[in-house]
């Protein structure tokens, strides 16, 4: 069965928020921080770790 990556991320994210109940500001900070790091000068350092 092939599941699109975006669907898997939405399901895991929804379950994480429902079960762990982190504050919304923390969710926003993590998402925004990840987005900003992905397009920064630190990308070559983070890329091998993420793979």
N, C-alpha and C. Protein backbone atom coordinates (compact mmCIF):
# COMPACT_ATOMS: atom_id res chain seq x y z
N UNK A 1 0.85 -1.17 0.00
CA UNK A 1 0.00 0.00 0.00
C UNK A 1 0.89 1.23 0.00
N UNK A 2 0.66 2.13 -0.91
CA UNK A 2 1.43 3.37 -0.99
C UNK A 2 0.63 4.51 -0.36
N UNK A 3 1.22 5.11 0.65
CA UNK A 3 0.59 6.24 1.34
C UNK A 3 1.42 7.48 1.04
N UNK A 4 0.78 8.57 0.60
CA UNK A 4 1.55 9.79 0.36
C UNK A 4 2.18 10.30 1.67
N UNK A 5 3.36 10.88 1.53
CA UNK A 5 4.08 11.37 2.71
C UNK A 5 3.27 12.41 3.46
N UNK A 6 2.61 13.31 2.73
CA UNK A 6 1.85 14.37 3.41
C UNK A 6 0.71 13.78 4.24
N UNK A 7 0.10 12.71 3.76
CA UNK A 7 -0.99 12.09 4.52
C UNK A 7 -0.46 11.42 5.79
N UNK A 8 0.67 10.73 5.66
CA UNK A 8 1.27 10.10 6.84
C UNK A 8 1.66 11.15 7.88
N UNK A 9 2.21 12.28 7.44
CA UNK A 9 2.59 13.34 8.37
C UNK A 9 1.38 13.95 9.06
N UNK A 10 0.29 14.13 8.31
CA UNK A 10 -0.92 14.69 8.91
C UNK A 10 -1.48 13.74 9.96
N UNK A 11 -1.51 12.44 9.66
CA UNK A 11 -2.05 11.46 10.61
C UNK A 11 -1.18 11.40 11.87
N UNK A 12 0.13 11.31 11.69
CA UNK A 12 1.03 11.25 12.85
C UNK A 12 0.95 12.55 13.66
N UNK A 13 0.88 13.68 12.99
CA UNK A 13 0.76 14.96 13.69
C UNK A 13 -0.54 15.08 14.46
N UNK A 14 -1.63 14.67 13.85
CA UNK A 14 -2.93 14.74 14.53
C UNK A 14 -2.96 13.82 15.76
N UNK A 15 -2.41 12.62 15.62
CA UNK A 15 -2.36 11.71 16.77
C UNK A 15 -1.45 12.26 17.86
N UNK A 16 -0.32 12.83 17.46
CA UNK A 16 0.59 13.41 18.45
C UNK A 16 -0.04 14.54 19.23
N UNK A 17 -0.74 15.40 18.52
CA UNK A 17 -1.40 16.53 19.20
C UNK A 17 -2.53 16.03 20.10
N UNK A 18 -3.26 15.03 19.62
CA UNK A 18 -4.39 14.51 20.41
C UNK A 18 -3.91 13.76 21.66
N UNK A 19 -2.85 12.97 21.53
CA UNK A 19 -2.41 12.13 22.64
C UNK A 19 -1.48 12.85 23.61
N UNK A 20 -0.56 13.65 23.10
CA UNK A 20 0.43 14.29 23.96
C UNK A 20 -0.05 15.65 24.46
N UNK A 21 -0.88 16.31 23.68
CA UNK A 21 -1.45 17.62 24.01
C UNK A 21 -0.39 18.69 24.32
N UNK A 22 0.51 18.94 23.36
CA UNK A 22 1.48 20.02 23.58
C UNK A 22 0.78 21.37 23.42
N UNK A 23 1.32 22.42 23.99
CA UNK A 23 0.73 23.74 23.78
C UNK A 23 0.85 24.13 22.30
N UNK A 24 -0.13 24.88 21.82
CA UNK A 24 -0.16 25.26 20.40
C UNK A 24 1.03 26.12 20.02
N UNK A 25 1.52 26.96 20.95
CA UNK A 25 2.66 27.81 20.61
C UNK A 25 3.89 26.95 20.35
N UNK A 26 4.02 25.82 21.05
CA UNK A 26 5.16 24.93 20.83
C UNK A 26 5.08 24.26 19.46
N UNK A 27 3.89 23.87 19.06
CA UNK A 27 3.70 23.28 17.73
C UNK A 27 4.08 24.29 16.65
N UNK A 28 3.65 25.53 16.81
CA UNK A 28 3.95 26.57 15.83
C UNK A 28 5.45 26.86 15.79
N UNK A 29 6.09 26.93 16.95
CA UNK A 29 7.53 27.20 16.99
C UNK A 29 8.32 26.07 16.32
N UNK A 30 7.95 24.83 16.57
CA UNK A 30 8.66 23.70 15.96
C UNK A 30 8.46 23.69 14.44
N UNK A 31 7.24 23.91 13.99
CA UNK A 31 6.99 23.92 12.54
C UNK A 31 7.69 25.08 11.86
N UNK A 32 7.60 26.26 12.43
CA UNK A 32 8.24 27.42 11.85
C UNK A 32 9.76 27.29 11.89
N UNK A 33 10.28 26.79 13.01
CA UNK A 33 11.72 26.60 13.12
C UNK A 33 12.24 25.59 12.11
N UNK A 34 11.53 24.49 11.91
CA UNK A 34 11.92 23.50 10.92
C UNK A 34 11.89 24.06 9.51
N UNK A 35 10.87 24.85 9.23
CA UNK A 35 10.76 25.47 7.90
C UNK A 35 11.91 26.44 7.66
N UNK A 36 12.23 27.24 8.65
CA UNK A 36 13.31 28.21 8.49
C UNK A 36 14.68 27.53 8.42
N UNK A 37 14.89 26.47 9.20
CA UNK A 37 16.16 25.75 9.15
C UNK A 37 16.37 25.03 7.82
N UNK A 38 15.29 24.60 7.20
CA UNK A 38 15.40 23.87 5.94
C UNK A 38 15.95 24.74 4.82
N UNK A 39 15.82 26.04 4.94
CA UNK A 39 16.30 26.95 3.90
C UNK A 39 17.39 27.87 4.42
N UNK A 40 18.18 27.39 5.38
CA UNK A 40 19.22 28.22 5.95
C UNK A 40 20.61 27.70 5.57
N UNK A 41 21.62 28.37 6.04
CA UNK A 41 22.99 27.95 5.78
C UNK A 41 23.35 26.67 6.55
N UNK A 42 22.51 26.28 7.50
CA UNK A 42 22.75 25.05 8.28
C UNK A 42 22.25 23.80 7.59
N UNK A 43 21.60 23.94 6.44
CA UNK A 43 21.04 22.79 5.74
C UNK A 43 22.09 21.71 5.43
N UNK A 44 23.29 22.06 4.93
CA UNK A 44 24.27 21.00 4.67
C UNK A 44 24.68 20.23 5.93
N UNK A 45 24.59 20.85 7.09
CA UNK A 45 24.95 20.17 8.34
C UNK A 45 23.80 19.26 8.79
N UNK A 46 22.57 19.71 8.63
CA UNK A 46 21.40 18.98 9.11
C UNK A 46 21.04 17.83 8.16
N UNK A 47 21.27 17.99 6.87
CA UNK A 47 20.83 17.02 5.88
C UNK A 47 21.37 15.61 6.13
N UNK A 48 22.66 15.41 6.37
CA UNK A 48 23.12 14.03 6.63
C UNK A 48 22.55 13.44 7.92
N UNK A 49 22.29 14.26 8.90
CA UNK A 49 21.72 13.77 10.16
C UNK A 49 20.27 13.31 9.95
N UNK A 50 19.53 14.07 9.14
CA UNK A 50 18.13 13.76 8.90
C UNK A 50 17.96 12.51 8.04
N UNK A 51 18.93 12.22 7.21
CA UNK A 51 18.83 11.03 6.36
C UNK A 51 19.30 9.85 7.13
